[in-house]
């Protein structure tokens, strides 16, 4: 008969060395798998971020090119109209100069 005041400790089974080795190996494999999954998530997130940055840069570059092309076209129109205007003005000034020279030559002769 057992005394109620002194309880008997439960019997604890001690694992064998092979079981300890298997348990340690299982823990290490789980940790390795967890680490590999975390690295894979990080690589995926980094690739997604690089793609997003690349697409953003491409969009920005295309917007800039569109802006440059539209301003180039506007500049061409301005240059063309300016050249036409200068061309007319040149003809007008050349006519004025020739008229002035002919007037001067008639006055001096």
PDB file of N, CA and C in Angstrom:
ATOM      1  N   UNK A   1       0.814  -1.167   0.000  1.00  0.00           N
ATOM      2  CA  UNK A   1       0.000   0.000   0.000  1.00  0.00           C
ATOM      3  C   UNK A   1       0.863   1.238   0.000  1.00  0.00           C
ATOM      4  N   UNK A   2       0.456   2.178  -0.780  1.00  0.00           N
ATOM      5  CA  UNK A   2       1.253   3.386  -0.905  1.00  0.00           C
ATOM      6  C   UNK A   2       0.730   4.451   0.029  1.00  0.00           C
ATOM      7  N   UNK A   3       1.675   5.222   0.497  1.00  0.00           N
ATOM      8  CA  UNK A   3       1.331   6.324   1.362  1.00  0.00           C
ATOM      9  C   UNK A   3       0.920   7.505   0.491  1.00  0.00           C
ATOM     10  N   UNK A   4      -0.173   8.162   0.822  1.00  0.00           N
ATOM     11  CA  UNK A   4      -0.680   9.277   0.036  1.00  0.00           C
ATOM     12  C   UNK A   4       0.223  10.485   0.140  1.00  0.00           C
ATOM     13  N   UNK A   5       1.009  10.572   1.161  1.00  0.00           N
ATOM     14  CA  UNK A   5       1.860  11.735   1.331  1.00  0.00           C
ATOM     15  C   UNK A   5       3.126  11.661   0.484  1.00  0.00           C
ATOM     16  N   UNK A   6       3.555  10.518   0.054  1.00  0.00           N
ATOM     17  CA  UNK A   6       4.753  10.417  -0.785  1.00  0.00           C
ATOM     18  C   UNK A   6       4.354   9.810  -2.124  1.00  0.00           C
ATOM     19  N   UNK A   7       4.017  10.672  -3.086  1.00  0.00           N
ATOM     20  CA  UNK A   7       3.613  10.135  -4.393  1.00  0.00           C
ATOM     21  C   UNK A   7       4.803   9.528  -5.136  1.00  0.00           C
ATOM     22  N   UNK A   8       4.527   8.555  -5.906  1.00  0.00           N
ATOM     23  CA  UNK A   8       5.557   7.884  -6.693  1.00  0.00           C
ATOM     24  C   UNK A   8       5.701   8.634  -8.013  1.00  0.00           C
ATOM     25  N   UNK A   9       6.920   9.012  -8.364  1.00  0.00           N
ATOM     26  CA  UNK A   9       7.088   9.721  -9.635  1.00  0.00           C
ATOM     27  C   UNK A   9       6.746   8.793 -10.793  1.00  0.00           C
ATOM     28  N   UNK A  10       6.160   9.399 -11.854  1.00  0.00           N
ATOM     29  CA  UNK A  10       5.814   8.550 -13.003  1.00  0.00           C
ATOM     30  C   UNK A  10       7.086   8.029 -13.670  1.00  0.00           C
ATOM     31  N   UNK A  11       6.954   6.909 -14.252  1.00  0.00           N
ATOM     32  CA  UNK A  11       8.090   6.291 -14.925  1.00  0.00           C
ATOM     33  C   UNK A  11       8.275   6.984 -16.264  1.00  0.00           C
ATOM     34  N   UNK A  12       9.462   7.527 -16.501  1.00  0.00           N
ATOM     35  CA  UNK A  12       9.770   8.209 -17.754  1.00  0.00           C
ATOM     36  C   UNK A  12      10.632   7.291 -18.590  1.00  0.00           C
ATOM     37  N   UNK A  13      10.203   7.147 -19.828  1.00  0.00           N
ATOM     38  CA  UNK A  13      10.964   6.294 -20.738  1.00  0.00           C
ATOM     39  C   UNK A  13      12.080   7.116 -21.361  1.00  0.00           C
ATOM     40  N   UNK A  14      13.255   6.622 -21.289  1.00  0.00           N
ATOM     41  CA  UNK A  14      14.430   7.288 -21.872  1.00  0.00           C
ATOM     42  C   UNK A  14      14.589   6.779 -23.305  1.00  0.00           C
ATOM     43  N   UNK A  15      14.622   7.720 -24.281  1.00  0.00           N
ATOM     44  CA  UNK A  15      14.765   7.262 -25.672  1.00  0.00           C
ATOM     45  C   UNK A  15      16.144   6.651 -25.923  1.00  0.00           C
ATOM     46  N   UNK A  16      16.151   5.742 -26.841  1.00  0.00           N
ATOM     47  CA  UNK A  16      17.417   5.088 -27.195  1.00  0.00           C
ATOM     48  C   UNK A  16      18.284   6.060 -28.003  1.00  0.00           C
ATOM     49  N   UNK A  17      19.560   5.780 -28.139  1.00  0.00           N
ATOM     50  CA  UNK A  17      20.435   6.657 -28.945  1.00  0.00           C
ATOM     51  C   UNK A  17      19.971   6.770 -30.403  1.00  0.00           C
ATOM     52  N   UNK A  18      19.430   5.690 -30.943  1.00  0.00           N
ATOM     53  CA  UNK A  18      18.939   5.731 -32.325  1.00  0.00           C
ATOM     54  C   UNK A  18      17.726   6.667 -32.427  1.00  0.00           C
ATOM     55  N   UNK A  19      16.832   6.591 -31.448  1.00  0.00           N
ATOM     56  CA  UNK A  19      15.652   7.456 -31.446  1.00  0.00           C
ATOM     57  C   UNK A  19      16.063   8.922 -31.286  1.00  0.00           C
ATOM     58  N   UNK A  20      17.031   9.186 -30.417  1.00  0.00           N
ATOM     59  CA  UNK A  20      17.528  10.554 -30.246  1.00  0.00           C
ATOM     60  C   UNK A  20      18.147  11.077 -31.552  1.00  0.00           C
ATOM     61  N   UNK A  21      18.884  10.213 -32.217  1.00  0.00           N
ATOM     62  CA  UNK A  21      19.506  10.592 -33.483  1.00  0.00           C
ATOM     63  C   UNK A  21      18.442  10.905 -34.532  1.00  0.00           C
ATOM     64  N   UNK A  22      17.409  10.055 -34.606  1.00  0.00           N
ATOM     65  CA  UNK A  22      16.325  10.285 -35.570  1.00  0.00           C
ATOM     66  C   UNK A  22      15.566  11.568 -35.241  1.00  0.00           C
ATOM     67  N   UNK A  23      15.315  11.808 -33.968  1.00  0.00           N
ATOM     68  CA  UNK A  23      14.616  13.020 -33.552  1.00  0.00           C
ATOM     69  C   UNK A  23      15.434  14.261 -33.914  1.00  0.00           C
ATOM     70  N   UNK A  24      16.727  14.218 -33.635  1.00  0.00           N
ATOM     71  CA  UNK A  24      17.597  15.351 -33.969  1.00  0.00           C
ATOM     72  C   UNK A  24      17.636  15.586 -35.477  1.00  0.00           C
ATOM     73  N   UNK A  25      17.721  14.495 -36.240  1.00  0.00           N
ATOM     74  CA  UNK A  25      17.738  14.600 -37.701  1.00  0.00           C
ATOM     75  C   UNK A  25      16.422  15.175 -38.206  1.00  0.00           C
ATOM     76  N   UNK A  26      15.319  14.768 -37.644  1.00  0.00           N
ATOM     77  CA  UNK A  26      14.006  15.276 -38.033  1.00  0.00           C
ATOM     78  C   UNK A  26      13.886  16.780 -37.737  1.00  0.00           C
ATOM     79  N   UNK A  27      14.371  17.189 -36.570  1.00  0.00           N
ATOM     80  CA  UNK A  27      14.334  18.615 -36.209  1.00  0.00           C
ATOM     81  C   UNK A  27      15.186  19.431 -37.177  1.00  0.00           C
ATOM     82  N   UNK A  28      16.383  18.923 -37.496  1.00  0.00           N
ATOM     83  CA  UNK A  28      17.268  19.627 -38.427  1.00  0.00           C
ATOM     84  C   UNK A  28      16.658  19.712 -39.825  1.00  0.00           C
ATOM     85  N   UNK A  29      16.035  18.631 -40.284  1.00  0.00           N
ATOM     86  CA  UNK A  29      15.401  18.647 -41.601  1.00  0.00           C
ATOM     87  C   UNK A  29      14.247  19.649 -41.640  1.00  0.00           C
ATOM     88  N   UNK A  30      13.461  19.689 -40.587  1.00  0.00           N
ATOM     89  CA  UNK A  30      12.354  20.653 -40.516  1.00  0.00           C
ATOM     90  C   UNK A  30      12.877  22.085 -40.539  1.00  0.00           C
ATOM     91  N   UNK A  31      13.943  22.339 -39.792  1.00  0.00           N
ATOM     92  CA  UNK A  31      14.530  23.683 -39.771  1.00  0.00           C
ATOM     93  C   UNK A  31      15.091  24.050 -41.146  1.00  0.00           C
ATOM     94  N   UNK A  32      15.739  23.085 -41.811  1.00  0.00           N
ATOM     95  CA  UNK A  32      16.289  23.333 -43.137  1.00  0.00           C
ATOM     96  C   UNK A  32      15.172  23.632 -44.142  1.00  0.00           C
ATOM     97  N   UNK A  33      14.102  22.862 -44.093  1.00  0.00           N
ATOM     98  CA  UNK A  33      12.965  23.084 -45.000  1.00  0.00           C
ATOM     99  C   UNK A  33      12.351  24.457 -44.747  1.00  0.00           C
ATOM    100  N   UNK A  34      12.201  24.810 -43.486  1.00  0.00           N
ATOM    101  CA  UNK A  34      11.646  26.112 -43.140  1.00  0.00           C
ATOM    102  C   UNK A  34      12.536  27.235 -43.675  1.00  0.00           C
ATOM    103  N   UNK A  35      13.855  27.100 -43.509  1.00  0.00           N
ATOM    104  CA  UNK A  35      14.795  28.113 -43.994  1.00  0.00           C
ATOM    105  C   UNK A  35      14.732  28.214 -45.513  1.00  0.00           C
ATOM    106  N   UNK A  36      14.668  27.080 -46.207  1.00  0.00           N
ATOM    107  CA  UNK A  36      14.598  27.090 -47.664  1.00  0.00           C
ATOM    108  C   UNK A  36      13.305  27.753 -48.149  1.00  0.00           C
ATOM    109  N   UNK A  37      12.202  27.492 -47.468  1.00  0.00           N
ATOM    110  CA  UNK A  37      10.939  28.132 -47.843  1.00  0.00           C
ATOM    111  C   UNK A  37      11.000  29.646 -47.644  1.00  0.00           C
ATOM    112  N   UNK A  38      11.614  30.081 -46.559  1.00  0.00           N
ATOM    113  CA  UNK A  38      11.759  31.518 -46.316  1.00  0.00           C
ATOM    114  C   UNK A  38      12.634  32.164 -47.387  1.00  0.00           C
ATOM    115  N   UNK A  39      13.732  31.497 -47.755  1.00  0.00           N
ATOM    116  CA  UNK A  39      14.604  32.031 -48.811  1.00  0.00           C
ATOM    117  C   UNK A  39      13.871  32.095 -50.143  1.00  0.00           C
ATOM    118  N   UNK A  40      13.066  31.068 -50.423  1.00  0.00           N
ATOM    119  CA  UNK A  40      12.300  31.046 -51.662  1.00  0.00           C
ATOM    120  C   UNK A  40      11.297  32.203 -51.688  1.00  0.00           C
ATOM    121  N   UNK A  41      10.624  32.457 -50.571  1.00  0.00           N
ATOM    122  CA  UNK A  41       9.690  33.584 -50.490  1.00  0.00           C
ATOM    123  C   UNK A  41      10.409  34.904 -50.714  1.00  0.00           C
ATOM    124  N   UNK A  42      11.591  35.055 -50.120  1.00  0.00           N
ATOM    125  CA  UNK A  42      12.370  36.290 -50.286  1.00  0.00           C
ATOM    126  C   UNK A  42      12.792  36.485 -51.738  1.00  0.00           C
ATOM    127  N   UNK A  43      13.252  35.393 -52.388  1.00  0.00           N
ATOM    128  CA  UNK A  43      13.650  35.490 -53.794  1.00  0.00           C
ATOM    129  C   UNK A  43      12.455  35.863 -54.665  1.00  0.00           C
ATOM    130  N   UNK A  44      11.310  35.262 -54.399  1.00  0.00           N
ATOM    131  CA  UNK A  44      10.113  35.557 -55.169  1.00  0.00           C
ATOM    132  C   UNK A  44       9.706  37.017 -54.984  1.00  0.00           C
ATOM    133  N   UNK A  45       9.722  37.492 -53.737  1.00  0.00           N
ATOM    134  CA  UNK A  45       9.362  38.888 -53.458  1.00  0.00           C
ATOM    135  C   UNK A  45      10.341  39.842 -54.148  1.00  0.00           C
ATOM    136  N   UNK A  46      11.626  39.504 -54.133  1.00  0.00           N
ATOM    137  CA  UNK A  46      12.632  40.350 -54.775  1.00  0.00           C
ATOM    138  C   UNK A  46      12.423  40.381 -56.293  1.00  0.00           C
ATOM    139  N   UNK A  47      12.128  39.217 -56.888  1.00  0.00           N
ATOM    140  CA  UNK A  47      11.873  39.174 -58.334  1.00  0.00           C
ATOM    141  C   UNK A  47      10.641  39.988 -58.694  1.00  0.00           C
ATOM    142  N   UNK A  48       9.588  39.866 -57.887  1.00  0.00           N
ATOM    143  CA  UNK A  48       8.375  40.638 -58.137  1.00  0.00           C
ATOM    144  C   UNK A  48       8.673  42.140 -58.049  1.00  0.00           C
ATOM    145  N   UNK A  49       9.453  42.519 -57.049  1.00  0.00           N
ATOM    146  CA  UNK A  49       9.793  43.931 -56.887  1.00  0.00           C
ATOM    147  C   UNK A  49      10.632  44.412 -58.068  1.00  0.00           C
ATOM    148  N   UNK A  50      11.580  43.593 -58.520  1.00  0.00           N
ATOM    149  CA  UNK A  50      12.406  43.963 -59.674  1.00  0.00           C
ATOM    150  C   UNK A  50      11.541  44.103 -60.920  1.00  0.00           C
ATOM    151  N   UNK A  51      10.588  43.184 -61.102  1.00  0.00           N
ATOM    152  CA  UNK A  51       9.682  43.280 -62.256  1.00  0.00           C
ATOM    153  C   UNK A  51       8.864  44.558 -62.188  1.00  0.00           C
ATOM    154  N   UNK A  52       8.354  44.861 -61.009  1.00  0.00           N
ATOM    155  CA  UNK A  52       7.543  46.059 -60.835  1.00  0.00           C
ATOM    156  C   UNK A  52       8.368  47.309 -61.125  1.00  0.00           C
ATOM    157  N   UNK A  53       9.612  47.339 -60.609  1.00  0.00           N
ATOM    158  CA  UNK A  53      10.482  48.486 -60.854  1.00  0.00           C
ATOM    159  C   UNK A  53      10.799  48.585 -62.345  1.00  0.00           C
ATOM    160  N   UNK A  54      11.089  47.445 -62.964  1.00  0.00           N
ATOM    161  CA  UNK A  54      11.410  47.433 -64.387  1.00  0.00           C
ATOM    162  C   UNK A  54      10.217  47.934 -65.200  1.00  0.00           C
ATOM    163  N   UNK A  55       9.030  47.441 -64.890  1.00  0.00           N
ATOM    164  CA  UNK A  55       7.833  47.898 -65.604  1.00  0.00           C
ATOM    165  C   UNK A  55       7.587  49.374 -65.362  1.00  0.00           C
ATOM    166  N   UNK A  56       7.806  49.822 -64.128  1.00  0.00           N
ATOM    167  CA  UNK A  56       7.626  51.243 -63.820  1.00  0.00           C
ATOM    168  C   UNK A  56       8.597  52.085 -64.621  1.00  0.00           C
ATOM    169  N   UNK A  57       9.858  51.629 -64.691  1.00  0.00           N
ATOM    170  CA  UNK A  57      10.852  52.371 -65.459  1.00  0.00           C
ATOM    171  C   UNK A  57      10.517  52.375 -66.942  1.00  0.00           C
ATOM    172  N   UNK A  58      10.032  51.230 -67.444  1.00  0.00           N
ATOM    173  CA  UNK A  58       9.646  51.176 -68.857  1.00  0.00           C
ATOM    174  C   UNK A  58       8.497  52.134 -69.127  1.00  0.00           C
ATOM    175  N   UNK A  59       7.505  52.152 -68.247  1.00  0.00           N
ATOM    176  CA  UNK A  59       6.373  53.073 -68.417  1.00  0.00           C
ATOM    177  C   UNK A  59       6.844  54.512 -68.358  1.00  0.00           C
ATOM    178  N   UNK A  60       7.715  54.810 -67.417  1.00  0.00           N
ATOM    179  CA  UNK A  60       8.248  56.162 -67.288  1.00  0.00           C
ATOM    180  C   UNK A  60       9.036  56.538 -68.536  1.00  0.00           C
ATOM    181  N   UNK A  61       9.849  55.614 -69.028  1.00  0.00           N
ATOM    182  CA  UNK A  61      10.645  55.865 -70.225  1.00  0.00           C
ATOM    183  C   UNK A  61       9.748  56.093 -71.433  1.00  0.00           C
ATOM    184  N   UNK A  62       8.716  55.251 -71.582  1.00  0.00           N
ATOM    185  CA  UNK A  62       7.788  55.417 -72.707  1.00  0.00           C
ATOM    186  C   UNK A  62       7.039  56.739 -72.601  1.00  0.00           C
ATOM    187  N   UNK A  63       6.647  57.115 -71.394  1.00  0.00           N
ATOM    188  CA  UNK A  63       5.989  58.403 -71.210  1.00  0.00           C
ATOM    189  C   UNK A  63       6.914  59.540 -71.608  1.00  0.00           C
ATOM    190  N   UNK A  64       8.172  59.430 -71.200  1.00  0.00           N
ATOM    191  CA  UNK A  64       9.146  60.465 -71.547  1.00  0.00           C
ATOM    192  C   UNK A  64       9.358  60.521 -73.052  1.00  0.00           C
ATOM    193  N   UNK A  65       9.467  59.353 -73.696  1.00  0.00           N
ATOM    194  CA  UNK A  65       9.633  59.334 -75.150  1.00  0.00           C
ATOM    195  C   UNK A  65       8.425  59.953 -75.845  1.00  0.00           C
ATOM    196  N   UNK A  66       7.238  59.617 -75.384  1.00  0.00           N
ATOM    197  CA  UNK A  66       6.018  60.182 -75.956  1.00  0.00           C
ATOM    198  C   UNK A  66       6.024  61.695 -75.801  1.00  0.00           C
ATOM    199  N   UNK A  67       6.414  62.141 -74.613  1.00  0.00           N
ATOM    200  CA  UNK A  67       6.498  63.583 -74.353  1.00  0.00           C
ATOM    201  C   UNK A  67       7.498  64.237 -75.298  1.00  0.00           C
ATOM    202  N   UNK A  68       8.679  63.620 -75.452  1.00  0.00           N
ATOM    203  CA  UNK A  68       9.712  64.182 -76.328  1.00  0.00           C
ATOM    204  C   UNK A  68       9.237  64.212 -77.777  1.00  0.00           C
ATOM    205  N   UNK A  69       8.614  63.140 -78.207  1.00  0.00           N
ATOM    206  CA  UNK A  69       8.142  63.076 -79.596  1.00  0.00           C
ATOM    207  C   UNK A  69       7.078  64.137 -79.849  1.00  0.00           C
ATOM    208  N   UNK A  70       6.151  64.292 -78.899  1.00  0.00           N
ATOM    209  CA  UNK A  70       5.110  65.301 -79.105  1.00  0.00           C
ATOM    210  C   UNK A  70       5.719  66.696 -79.139  1.00  0.00           C
ATOM    211  N   UNK A  71       6.702  66.955 -78.263  1.00  0.00           N
ATOM    212  CA  UNK A  71       7.347  68.268 -78.281  1.00  0.00           C
ATOM    213  C   UNK A  71       8.221  68.447 -79.514  1.00  0.00           C
ATOM    214  N   UNK A  72       8.811  67.355 -79.991  1.00  0.00           N
ATOM    215  CA  UNK A  72       9.600  67.425 -81.211  1.00  0.00           C
ATOM    216  C   UNK A  72       8.699  67.770 -82.387  1.00  0.00           C
ATOM    217  N   UNK A  73       7.530  67.130 -82.431  1.00  0.00           N
ATOM    218  CA  UNK A  73       6.584  67.443 -83.500  1.00  0.00           C
ATOM    219  C   UNK A  73       6.124  68.893 -83.406  1.00  0.00           C
ATOM    220  N   UNK A  74       5.853  69.367 -82.201  1.00  0.00           N
ATOM    221  CA  UNK A  74       5.464  70.770 -82.034  1.00  0.00           C
ATOM    222  C   UNK A  74       6.609  71.682 -82.452  1.00  0.00           C
ATOM    223  N   UNK A  75       7.832  71.311 -82.068  1.00  0.00           N
ATOM    224  CA  UNK A  75       8.998  72.119 -82.441  1.00  0.00           C
ATOM    225  C   UNK A  75       9.173  72.144 -83.949  1.00  0.00           C
ATOM    226  N   UNK A  76       8.960  71.009 -84.599  1.00  0.00           N
ATOM    227  CA  UNK A  76       9.055  70.974 -86.064  1.00  0.00           C
ATOM    228  C   UNK A  76       8.056  71.919 -86.682  1.00  0.00           C
ATOM    229  N   UNK A  77       6.834  71.896 -86.143  1.00  0.00           N
ATOM    230  CA  UNK A  77       5.827  72.809 -86.669  1.00  0.00           C
ATOM    231  C   UNK A  77       6.247  74.249 -86.449  1.00  0.00           C
ATOM    232  N   UNK A  78       6.754  74.540 -85.258  1.00  0.00           N
ATOM    233  CA  UNK A  78       7.197  75.902 -84.977  1.00  0.00           C
ATOM    234  C   UNK A  78       8.376  76.289 -85.853  1.00  0.00           C
ATOM    235  N   UNK A  79       9.333  75.355 -86.005  1.00  0.00           N
ATOM    236  CA  UNK A  79      10.503  75.639 -86.840  1.00  0.00           C
ATOM    237  C   UNK A  79      10.075  75.829 -88.283  1.00  0.00           C
ATOM    238  N   UNK A  80       9.181  74.953 -88.764  1.00  0.00           N
ATOM    239  CA  UNK A  80       8.717  75.058 -90.141  1.00  0.00           C
ATOM    240  C   UNK A  80       8.023  76.390 -90.361  1.00  0.00           C
ATOM    241  N   UNK A  81       7.109  76.731 -89.464  1.00  0.00           N
ATOM    242  CA  UNK A  81       6.417  78.001 -89.643  1.00  0.00           C
ATOM    243  C   UNK A  81       7.376  79.167 -89.451  1.00  0.00           C
ATOM    244  N   UNK A  82       8.358  79.024 -88.560  1.00  0.00           N
ATOM    245  CA  UNK A  82       9.342  80.076 -88.346  1.00  0.00           C
ATOM    246  C   UNK A  82      10.218  80.233 -89.583  1.00  0.00           C
ATOM    247  N   UNK A  83      10.631  79.114 -90.181  1.00  0.00           N
ATOM    248  CA  UNK A  83      11.447  79.175 -91.388  1.00  0.00           C
ATOM    249  C   UNK A  83      10.640  79.802 -92.513  1.00  0.00           C
ATOM    250  N   UNK A  84       9.379  79.412 -92.619  1.00  0.00           N
ATOM    251  CA  UNK A  84       8.545  80.027 -93.653  1.00  0.00           C
ATOM    252  C   UNK A  84       8.414  81.524 -93.396  1.00  0.00           C
ATOM    253  N   UNK A  85       8.217  81.887 -92.151  1.00  0.00           N
ATOM    254  CA  UNK A  85       8.101  83.300 -91.810  1.00  0.00           C
ATOM    255  C   UNK A  85       9.417  84.025 -92.101  1.00  0.00           C
ATOM    256  N   UNK A  86      10.539  83.408 -91.679  1.00  0.00           N
ATOM    257  CA  UNK A  86      11.838  84.014 -91.946  1.00  0.00           C
ATOM    258  C   UNK A  86      12.091  84.103 -93.441  1.00  0.00           C
ATOM    259  N   UNK A  87      11.664  83.092 -94.171  1.00  0.00           N
ATOM    260  CA  UNK A  87      11.851  83.084 -95.614  1.00  0.00           C
ATOM    261  C   UNK A  87      11.102  84.264 -96.234  1.00  0.00           C
ATOM    262  N   UNK A  88       9.871  84.485 -95.827  1.00  0.00           N
ATOM    263  CA  UNK A  88       9.101  85.621 -96.336  1.00  0.00           C
ATOM    264  C   UNK A  88       9.753  86.936 -95.924  1.00  0.00           C
ATOM    265  N   UNK A  89      10.201  86.991 -94.674  1.00  0.00           N
ATOM    266  CA  UNK A  89      10.827  88.212 -94.183  1.00  0.00           C
ATOM    267  C   UNK A  89      12.133  88.460 -94.929  1.00  0.00           C
ATOM    268  N   UNK A  90      12.872  87.363 -95.210  1.00  0.00           N
ATOM    269  CA  UNK A  90      14.121  87.511 -95.960  1.00  0.00           C
ATOM    270  C   UNK A  90      13.824  88.092 -97.337  1.00  0.00           C
ATOM    271  N   UNK A  91      12.808  87.539 -97.991  1.00  0.00           N
ATOM    272  CA  UNK A  91      12.458  88.059 -99.312  1.00  0.00           C
ATOM    273  C   UNK A  91      12.039  89.523 -99.222  1.00  0.00           C
ATOM    274  N   UNK A  92      11.303  89.851 -98.178  1.00  0.00           N
ATOM    275  CA  UNK A  92      10.871  91.238 -98.004  1.00  0.00           C
ATOM    276  C   UNK A  92      12.079  92.142 -97.759  1.00  0.00           C
ATOM    277  N   UNK A  93      13.031  91.693 -96.912  1.00  0.00           N
ATOM    278  CA  UNK A  93      14.190  92.543 -96.631  1.00  0.00           C
ATOM    279  C   UNK A  93      15.109  92.608 -97.851  1.00  0.00           C
ATOM    280  N   UNK A  94      15.215  91.514 -98.582  1.00  0.00           N
ATOM    281  CA  UNK A  94      16.033  91.537 -99.798  1.00  0.00           C
ATOM    282  C   UNK A  94      15.416  92.485-100.820  1.00  0.00           C
ATOM    283  N   UNK A  95      14.120  92.472-100.933  1.00  0.00           N
ATOM    284  CA  UNK A  95      13.430  93.391-101.847  1.00  0.00           C
ATOM    285  C   UNK A  95      13.657  94.832-101.398  1.00  0.00           C
ATOM    286  N   UNK A  96      13.552  95.058-100.075  1.00  0.00           N
ATOM    287  CA  UNK A  96      13.780  96.411 -99.547  1.00  0.00           C
ATOM    288  C   UNK A  96      15.198  96.858 -99.814  1.00  0.00           C
ATOM    289  N   UNK A  97      16.155  95.949 -99.634  1.00  0.00           N
ATOM    290  CA  UNK A  97      17.559  96.286 -99.862  1.00  0.00           C
ATOM    291  C   UNK A  97      17.797  96.598-101.330  1.00  0.00           C
ATOM    292  N   UNK A  98      17.267  95.771-102.199  1.00  0.00           N
ATOM    293  CA  UNK A  98      17.462  96.027-103.637  1.00  0.00           C
ATOM    294  C   UNK A  98      16.776  97.321-104.050  1.00  0.00           C
ATOM    295  N   UNK A  99      15.598  97.597-103.468  1.00  0.00           N
ATOM    296  CA  UNK A  99      14.906  98.843-103.761  1.00  0.00           C
ATOM    297  C   UNK A  99      15.734 100.036-103.265  1.00  0.00           C
ATOM    298  N   UNK A 100      16.303  99.928-102.076  1.00  0.00           N
ATOM    299  CA  UNK A 100      17.126 100.974-101.498  1.00  0.00           C
ATOM    300  C   UNK A 100      18.378 101.188-102.350  1.00  0.00           C
ATOM    301  N   UNK A 101      19.029 100.095-102.773  1.00  0.00           N
ATOM    302  CA  UNK A 101      20.227 100.210-103.605  1.00  0.00           C
ATOM    303  C   UNK A 101      19.918 100.846-104.960  1.00  0.00           C
ATOM    304  N   UNK A 102      18.813 100.429-105.526  1.00  0.00           N
ATOM    305  CA  UNK A 102      18.464 101.024-106.821  1.00  0.00           C
ATOM    306  C   UNK A 102      18.129 102.498-106.668  1.00  0.00           C
ATOM    307  N   UNK A 103      17.485 102.867-105.553  1.00  0.00           N
ATOM    308  CA  UNK A 103      17.170 104.270-105.311  1.00  0.00           C
ATOM    309  C   UNK A 103      18.449 105.063-105.107  1.00  0.00           C
ATOM    310  N   UNK A 104      19.381 104.498-104.332  1.00  0.00           N
ATOM    311  CA  UNK A 104      20.648 105.180-104.107  1.00  0.00           C
ATOM    312  C   UNK A 104      21.450 105.323-105.401  1.00  0.00           C
ATOM    313  N   UNK A 105      21.433 104.285-106.192  1.00  0.00           N
ATOM    314  CA  UNK A 105      22.206 104.371-107.440  1.00  0.00           C
ATOM    315  C   UNK A 105      21.612 105.400-108.379  1.00  0.00           C
ATOM    316  N   UNK A 106      20.290 105.545-108.397  1.00  0.00           N
ATOM    317  CA  UNK A 106      19.680 106.567-109.245  1.00  0.00           C
ATOM    318  C   UNK A 106      19.952 107.966-108.716  1.00  0.00           C
ATOM    319  N   UNK A 107      20.056 108.068-107.402  1.00  0.00           N
ATOM    320  CA  UNK A 107      20.311 109.379-106.804  1.00  0.00           C
ATOM    321  C   UNK A 107      21.757 109.819-107.054  1.00  0.00           C
ATOM    322  N   UNK A 108      22.659 108.866-107.048  1.00  0.00           N
ATOM    323  CA  UNK A 108      24.060 109.219-107.206  1.00  0.00           C
ATOM    324  C   UNK A 108      24.421 109.414-108.669  1.00  0.00           C
ATOM    325  N   UNK A 109      23.664 108.901-109.552  1.00  0.00           N
ATOM    326  CA  UNK A 109      24.042 109.036-110.954  1.00  0.00           C
ATOM    327  C   UNK A 109      23.496 110.292-111.562  1.00  0.00           C
TER     328      UNK A 109
END
